[in-house]
Amino acid sequence: VSAINWSGGSTYYSDAVKGRFTISREN
């Protein structure tokens, strides 16, 4: 579905959810 790297600087989304879902983190 989605991923975020350890620093929070890069995010990834599947085509199925891109534009609708947002991943974020509190390190």
PDB file of all heavy atoms in Angstrom:
ATOM      1  N   VAL A   1       0.820  -1.199   0.000  1.00  0.00           N
ATOM      2  CA  VAL A   1       0.000   0.000   0.000  1.00  0.00           C
ATOM      3  C   VAL A   1       0.861   1.258   0.000  1.00  0.00           C
ATOM      4  O   VAL A   1       0.754   2.101  -0.890  1.00  0.00           O
ATOM      5  CB  VAL A   1      -0.963   0.031   1.206  1.00  0.00           C
ATOM      6  CG1 VAL A   1      -1.750   1.339   1.233  1.00  0.00           C
ATOM      7  CG2 VAL A   1      -1.910  -1.163   1.164  1.00  0.00           C
ATOM      8  N   SER A   2       1.731   1.380   1.004  1.00  0.00           N
ATOM      9  CA  SER A   2       2.512   2.597   1.150  1.00  0.00           C
ATOM     10  C   SER A   2       3.690   2.344   2.068  1.00  0.00           C
ATOM     11  O   SER A   2       3.672   1.411   2.873  1.00  0.00           O
ATOM     12  CB  SER A   2       1.631   3.729   1.715  1.00  0.00           C
ATOM     13  OG  SER A   2       2.329   4.957   1.744  1.00  0.00           O
ATOM     14  N   ALA A   3       4.718   3.177   1.950  1.00  0.00           N
ATOM     15  CA  ALA A   3       5.877   3.078   2.821  1.00  0.00           C
ATOM     16  C   ALA A   3       6.519   4.444   2.974  1.00  0.00           C
ATOM     17  O   ALA A   3       6.360   5.329   2.130  1.00  0.00           O
ATOM     18  CB  ALA A   3       6.899   2.074   2.272  1.00  0.00           C
ATOM     19  N   ILE A   4       7.274   4.591   4.057  1.00  0.00           N
ATOM     20  CA  ILE A   4       8.022   5.805   4.318  1.00  0.00           C
ATOM     21  C   ILE A   4       9.375   5.403   4.882  1.00  0.00           C
ATOM     22  O   ILE A   4       9.460   4.501   5.718  1.00  0.00           O
ATOM     23  CB  ILE A   4       7.243   6.742   5.273  1.00  0.00           C
ATOM     24  CG1 ILE A   4       7.959   8.081   5.433  1.00  0.00           C
ATOM     25  CG2 ILE A   4       7.004   6.080   6.627  1.00  0.00           C
ATOM     26  CD1 ILE A   4       7.068   9.153   6.073  1.00  0.00           C
ATOM     27  N   ASN A   5      10.436   6.043   4.404  1.00  0.00           N
ATOM     28  CA  ASN A   5      11.758   5.621   4.840  1.00  0.00           C
ATOM     29  C   ASN A   5      12.054   6.107   6.254  1.00  0.00           C
ATOM     30  O   ASN A   5      11.275   6.847   6.854  1.00  0.00           O
ATOM     31  CB  ASN A   5      12.825   6.063   3.834  1.00  0.00           C
ATOM     32  CG  ASN A   5      13.139   7.552   3.896  1.00  0.00           C
ATOM     33  OD1 ASN A   5      12.375   8.350   4.425  1.00  0.00           O
ATOM     34  ND2 ASN A   5      14.279   7.926   3.338  1.00  0.00           N
ATOM     35  N   TRP A   6      13.196   5.687   6.775  1.00  0.00           N
ATOM     36  CA  TRP A   6      13.493   5.933   8.188  1.00  0.00           C
ATOM     37  C   TRP A   6      13.589   7.411   8.528  1.00  0.00           C
ATOM     38  O   TRP A   6      13.272   7.811   9.657  1.00  0.00           O
ATOM     39  CB  TRP A   6      14.782   5.215   8.588  1.00  0.00           C
ATOM     40  CG  TRP A   6      16.009   5.718   7.874  1.00  0.00           C
ATOM     41  CD1 TRP A   6      16.527   5.247   6.707  1.00  0.00           C
ATOM     42  CD2 TRP A   6      16.862   6.777   8.295  1.00  0.00           C
ATOM     43  NE1 TRP A   6      17.651   5.958   6.360  1.00  0.00           N
ATOM     44  CE2 TRP A   6      17.885   6.902   7.328  1.00  0.00           C
ATOM     45  CE3 TRP A   6      16.873   7.638   9.396  1.00  0.00           C
ATOM     46  CZ2 TRP A   6      18.895   7.851   7.424  1.00  0.00           C
ATOM     47  CZ3 TRP A   6      17.889   8.588   9.494  1.00  0.00           C
ATOM     48  CH2 TRP A   6      18.881   8.682   8.514  1.00  0.00           C
ATOM     49  N   SER A   7      14.022   8.234   7.589  1.00  0.00           N
ATOM     50  CA  SER A   7      14.158   9.667   7.845  1.00  0.00           C
ATOM     51  C   SER A   7      12.868  10.436   7.593  1.00  0.00           C
ATOM     52  O   SER A   7      12.751  11.594   7.992  1.00  0.00           O
ATOM     53  CB  SER A   7      15.262  10.252   6.975  1.00  0.00           C
ATOM     54  OG  SER A   7      14.887  10.280   5.614  1.00  0.00           O
ATOM     55  N   GLY A   8      11.914   9.807   6.921  1.00  0.00           N
ATOM     56  CA  GLY A   8      10.689  10.488   6.543  1.00  0.00           C
ATOM     57  C   GLY A   8      10.797  11.288   5.265  1.00  0.00           C
ATOM     58  O   GLY A   8       9.822  11.928   4.861  1.00  0.00           O
ATOM     59  N   GLY A   9      11.957  11.243   4.605  1.00  0.00           N
ATOM     60  CA  GLY A   9      12.181  12.048   3.427  1.00  0.00           C
ATOM     61  C   GLY A   9      11.655  11.471   2.130  1.00  0.00           C
ATOM     62  O   GLY A   9      11.594  12.187   1.122  1.00  0.00           O
ATOM     63  N   SER A  10      11.303  10.197   2.126  1.00  0.00           N
ATOM     64  CA  SER A  10      10.810   9.545   0.920  1.00  0.00           C
ATOM     65  C   SER A  10       9.563   8.747   1.242  1.00  0.00           C
ATOM     66  O   SER A  10       9.507   8.052   2.259  1.00  0.00           O
ATOM     67  CB  SER A  10      11.869   8.615   0.321  1.00  0.00           C
ATOM     68  OG  SER A  10      13.029   9.333  -0.067  1.00  0.00           O
ATOM     69  N   THR A  11       8.575   8.842   0.373  1.00  0.00           N
ATOM     70  CA  THR A  11       7.348   8.067   0.517  1.00  0.00           C
ATOM     71  C   THR A  11       7.055   7.317  -0.767  1.00  0.00           C
ATOM     72  O   THR A  11       7.479   7.718  -1.855  1.00  0.00           O
ATOM     73  CB  THR A  11       6.153   8.957   0.884  1.00  0.00           C
ATOM     74  OG1 THR A  11       5.990   9.964  -0.126  1.00  0.00           O
ATOM     75  CG2 THR A  11       6.369   9.625   2.233  1.00  0.00           C
ATOM     76  N   TYR A  12       6.301   6.227  -0.640  1.00  0.00           N
ATOM     77  CA  TYR A  12       5.980   5.357  -1.760  1.00  0.00           C
ATOM     78  C   TYR A  12       4.524   4.945  -1.652  1.00  0.00           C
ATOM     79  O   TYR A  12       4.014   4.710  -0.553  1.00  0.00           O
ATOM     80  CB  TYR A  12       6.875   4.109  -1.752  1.00  0.00           C
ATOM     81  CG  TYR A  12       8.348   4.429  -1.716  1.00  0.00           C
ATOM     82  CD1 TYR A  12       8.989   4.688  -0.506  1.00  0.00           C
ATOM     83  CD2 TYR A  12       9.094   4.473  -2.887  1.00  0.00           C
ATOM     84  CE1 TYR A  12      10.335   4.995  -0.467  1.00  0.00           C
ATOM     85  CE2 TYR A  12      10.441   4.777  -2.849  1.00  0.00           C
ATOM     86  CZ  TYR A  12      11.061   5.040  -1.640  1.00  0.00           C
ATOM     87  OH  TYR A  12      12.395   5.343  -1.606  1.00  0.00           O
ATOM     88  N   TYR A  13       3.862   4.827  -2.809  1.00  0.00           N
ATOM     89  CA  TYR A  13       2.461   4.449  -2.847  1.00  0.00           C
ATOM     90  C   TYR A  13       2.206   3.505  -4.005  1.00  0.00           C
ATOM     91  O   TYR A  13       2.809   3.624  -5.073  1.00  0.00           O
ATOM     92  CB  TYR A  13       1.559   5.673  -3.014  1.00  0.00           C
ATOM     93  CG  TYR A  13       1.662   6.675  -1.899  1.00  0.00           C
ATOM     94  CD1 TYR A  13       2.529   7.758  -1.995  1.00  0.00           C
ATOM     95  CD2 TYR A  13       0.894   6.544  -0.746  1.00  0.00           C
ATOM     96  CE1 TYR A  13       2.631   8.679  -0.970  1.00  0.00           C
ATOM     97  CE2 TYR A  13       0.993   7.465   0.281  1.00  0.00           C
ATOM     98  CZ  TYR A  13       1.862   8.530   0.169  1.00  0.00           C
ATOM     99  OH  TYR A  13       1.965   9.453   1.188  1.00  0.00           O
ATOM    100  N   SER A  14       1.297   2.582  -3.792  1.00  0.00           N
ATOM    101  CA  SER A  14       0.836   1.762  -4.895  1.00  0.00           C
ATOM    102  C   SER A  14      -0.037   2.604  -5.812  1.00  0.00           C
ATOM    103  O   SER A  14      -0.624   3.616  -5.397  1.00  0.00           O
ATOM    104  CB  SER A  14       0.043   0.561  -4.383  1.00  0.00           C
ATOM    105  OG  SER A  14      -1.193   0.968  -3.822  1.00  0.00           O
ATOM    106  N   ASP A  15      -0.134   2.191  -7.069  1.00  0.00           N
ATOM    107  CA  ASP A  15      -0.978   2.917  -8.012  1.00  0.00           C
ATOM    108  C   ASP A  15      -2.437   2.942  -7.561  1.00  0.00           C
ATOM    109  O   ASP A  15      -3.165   3.903  -7.834  1.00  0.00           O
ATOM    110  CB  ASP A  15      -0.882   2.293  -9.400  1.00  0.00           C
ATOM    111  CG  ASP A  15       0.466   2.510 -10.052  1.00  0.00           C
ATOM    112  OD1 ASP A  15       1.187   3.448  -9.645  1.00  0.00           O
ATOM    113  OD2 ASP A  15       0.801   1.752 -10.978  1.00  0.00           O
ATOM    114  N   ALA A  16      -2.861   1.908  -6.857  1.00  0.00           N
ATOM    115  CA  ALA A  16      -4.251   1.804  -6.446  1.00  0.00           C
ATOM    116  C   ALA A  16      -4.660   2.875  -5.445  1.00  0.00           C
ATOM    117  O   ALA A  16      -5.839   3.241  -5.382  1.00  0.00           O
ATOM    118  CB  ALA A  16      -4.525   0.416  -5.867  1.00  0.00           C
ATOM    119  N   VAL A  17      -3.705   3.372  -4.656  1.00  0.00           N
ATOM    120  CA  VAL A  17      -4.048   4.325  -3.603  1.00  0.00           C
ATOM    121  C   VAL A  17      -3.440   5.699  -3.818  1.00  0.00           C
ATOM    122  O   VAL A  17      -3.776   6.637  -3.081  1.00  0.00           O
ATOM    123  CB  VAL A  17      -3.638   3.795  -2.212  1.00  0.00           C
ATOM    124  CG1 VAL A  17      -4.196   2.396  -1.989  1.00  0.00           C
ATOM    125  CG2 VAL A  17      -2.119   3.808  -2.042  1.00  0.00           C
ATOM    126  N   LYS A  18      -2.588   5.843  -4.800  1.00  0.00           N
ATOM    127  CA  LYS A  18      -1.909   7.115  -5.033  1.00  0.00           C
ATOM    128  C   LYS A  18      -2.922   8.232  -5.266  1.00  0.00           C
ATOM    129  O   LYS A  18      -3.864   8.084  -6.038  1.00  0.00           O
ATOM    130  CB  LYS A  18      -0.969   6.986  -6.227  1.00  0.00           C
ATOM    131  CG  LYS A  18      -0.005   8.146  -6.393  1.00  0.00           C
ATOM    132  CD  LYS A  18       1.005   7.843  -7.499  1.00  0.00           C
ATOM    133  CE  LYS A  18       1.844   6.621  -7.162  1.00  0.00           C
ATOM    134  NZ  LYS A  18       2.864   6.332  -8.209  1.00  0.00           N
ATOM    135  N   GLY A  19      -2.720   9.340  -4.577  1.00  0.00           N
ATOM    136  CA  GLY A  19      -3.620  10.467  -4.676  1.00  0.00           C
ATOM    137  C   GLY A  19      -4.746  10.450  -3.673  1.00  0.00           C
ATOM    138  O   GLY A  19      -5.421  11.473  -3.488  1.00  0.00           O
ATOM    139  N   ARG A  20      -4.969   9.314  -3.015  1.00  0.00           N
ATOM    140  CA  ARG A  20      -6.025   9.191  -2.017  1.00  0.00           C
ATOM    141  C   ARG A  20      -5.491   8.954  -0.610  1.00  0.00           C
ATOM    142  O   ARG A  20      -6.086   9.410   0.364  1.00  0.00           O
ATOM    143  CB  ARG A  20      -6.984   8.061  -2.385  1.00  0.00           C
ATOM    144  CG  ARG A  20      -7.697   8.268  -3.713  1.00  0.00           C
ATOM    145  CD  ARG A  20      -8.755   7.192  -3.953  1.00  0.00           C
ATOM    146  NE  ARG A  20      -8.171   5.854  -4.042  1.00  0.00           N
ATOM    147  CZ  ARG A  20      -8.458   4.852  -3.202  1.00  0.00           C
ATOM    148  NH1 ARG A  20      -9.318   5.039  -2.212  1.00  0.00           N
ATOM    149  NH2 ARG A  20      -7.885   3.670  -3.375  1.00  0.00           N
ATOM    150  N   PHE A  21      -4.384   8.229  -0.502  1.00  0.00           N
ATOM    151  CA  PHE A  21      -3.802   7.897   0.798  1.00  0.00           C
ATOM    152  C   PHE A  21      -2.538   8.708   1.021  1.00  0.00           C
ATOM    153  O   PHE A  21      -1.808   9.027   0.073  1.00  0.00           O
ATOM    154  CB  PHE A  21      -3.441   6.411   0.874  1.00  0.00           C
ATOM    155  CG  PHE A  21      -4.606   5.459   0.890  1.00  0.00           C
ATOM    156  CD1 PHE A  21      -5.900   5.886   0.645  1.00  0.00           C
ATOM    157  CD2 PHE A  21      -4.391   4.117   1.151  1.00  0.00           C
ATOM    158  CE1 PHE A  21      -6.965   5.001   0.650  1.00  0.00           C
ATOM    159  CE2 PHE A  21      -5.441   3.224   1.164  1.00  0.00           C
ATOM    160  CZ  PHE A  21      -6.726   3.656   0.914  1.00  0.00           C
ATOM    161  N   THR A  22      -2.244   9.017   2.280  1.00  0.00           N
ATOM    162  CA  THR A  22      -1.036   9.726   2.646  1.00  0.00           C
ATOM    163  C   THR A  22      -0.405   9.057   3.856  1.00  0.00           C
ATOM    164  O   THR A  22      -1.072   8.853   4.872  1.00  0.00           O
ATOM    165  CB  THR A  22      -1.318  11.199   2.972  1.00  0.00           C
ATOM    166  OG1 THR A  22      -1.946  11.838   1.855  1.00  0.00           O
ATOM    167  CG2 THR A  22      -0.021  11.933   3.298  1.00  0.00           C
ATOM    168  N   ILE A  23       0.870   8.719   3.740  1.00  0.00           N
ATOM    169  CA  ILE A  23       1.598   8.135   4.854  1.00  0.00           C
ATOM    170  C   ILE A  23       2.448   9.212   5.516  1.00  0.00           C
ATOM    171  O   ILE A  23       2.991  10.098   4.847  1.00  0.00           O
ATOM    172  CB  ILE A  23       2.467   6.944   4.394  1.00  0.00           C
ATOM    173  CG1 ILE A  23       3.020   6.179   5.592  1.00  0.00           C
ATOM    174  CG2 ILE A  23       3.591   7.405   3.466  1.00  0.00           C
ATOM    175  CD1 ILE A  23       3.677   4.852   5.216  1.00  0.00           C
ATOM    176  N   SER A  24       2.561   9.148   6.828  1.00  0.00           N
ATOM    177  CA  SER A  24       3.392  10.074   7.571  1.00  0.00           C
ATOM    178  C   SER A  24       3.900   9.375   8.818  1.00  0.00           C
ATOM    179  O   SER A  24       3.416   8.309   9.188  1.00  0.00           O
ATOM    180  CB  SER A  24       2.624  11.349   7.932  1.00  0.00           C
ATOM    181  OG  SER A  24       1.507  11.058   8.753  1.00  0.00           O
ATOM    182  N   ARG A  25       4.878   9.979   9.471  1.00  0.00           N
ATOM    183  CA  ARG A  25       5.428   9.361  10.666  1.00  0.00           C
ATOM    184  C   ARG A  25       5.873  10.409  11.671  1.00  0.00           C
ATOM    185  O   ARG A  25       6.175  11.552  11.310  1.00  0.00           O
ATOM    186  CB  ARG A  25       6.590   8.432  10.318  1.00  0.00           C
ATOM    187  CG  ARG A  25       7.854   9.130   9.836  1.00  0.00           C
ATOM    188  CD  ARG A  25       8.917   8.118   9.449  1.00  0.00           C
ATOM    189  NE  ARG A  25       9.291   7.262  10.571  1.00  0.00           N
ATOM    190  CZ  ARG A  25       9.972   6.132  10.461  1.00  0.00           C
ATOM    191  NH1 ARG A  25      10.350   5.699   9.260  1.00  0.00           N
ATOM    192  NH2 ARG A  25      10.271   5.416  11.542  1.00  0.00           N
ATOM    193  N   GLU A  26       5.890   9.998  12.919  1.00  0.00           N
ATOM    194  CA  GLU A  26       6.459  10.775  13.997  1.00  0.00           C
ATOM    195  C   GLU A  26       7.660   9.991  14.492  1.00  0.00           C
ATOM    196  O   GLU A  26       7.522   9.019  15.223  1.00  0.00           O
ATOM    197  CB  GLU A  26       5.452  10.992  15.120  1.00  0.00           C
ATOM    198  CG  GLU A  26       4.228  11.783  14.686  1.00  0.00           C
ATOM    199  CD  GLU A  26       3.241  11.963  15.805  1.00  0.00           C
ATOM    200  OE1 GLU A  26       3.570  11.644  16.969  1.00  0.00           O
ATOM    201  OE2 GLU A  26       2.119  12.444  15.527  1.00  0.00           O
ATOM    202  N   ASN A  27       8.844  10.417  14.083  1.00  0.00           N
ATOM    203  CA  ASN A  27      10.055   9.633  14.347  1.00  0.00           C
ATOM    204  C   ASN A  27      10.334   9.462  15.838  1.00  0.00           C
ATOM    205  O   ASN A  27      10.760   8.396  16.273  1.00  0.00           O
ATOM    206  CB  ASN A  27      11.259  10.280  13.668  1.00  0.00           C
ATOM    207  CG  ASN A  27      11.218  10.151  12.162  1.00  0.00           C
ATOM    208  OD1 ASN A  27      10.688   9.185  11.620  1.00  0.00           O
ATOM    209  ND2 ASN A  27      11.795  11.125  11.468  1.00  0.00           N
TER     210      ASN A  27
END
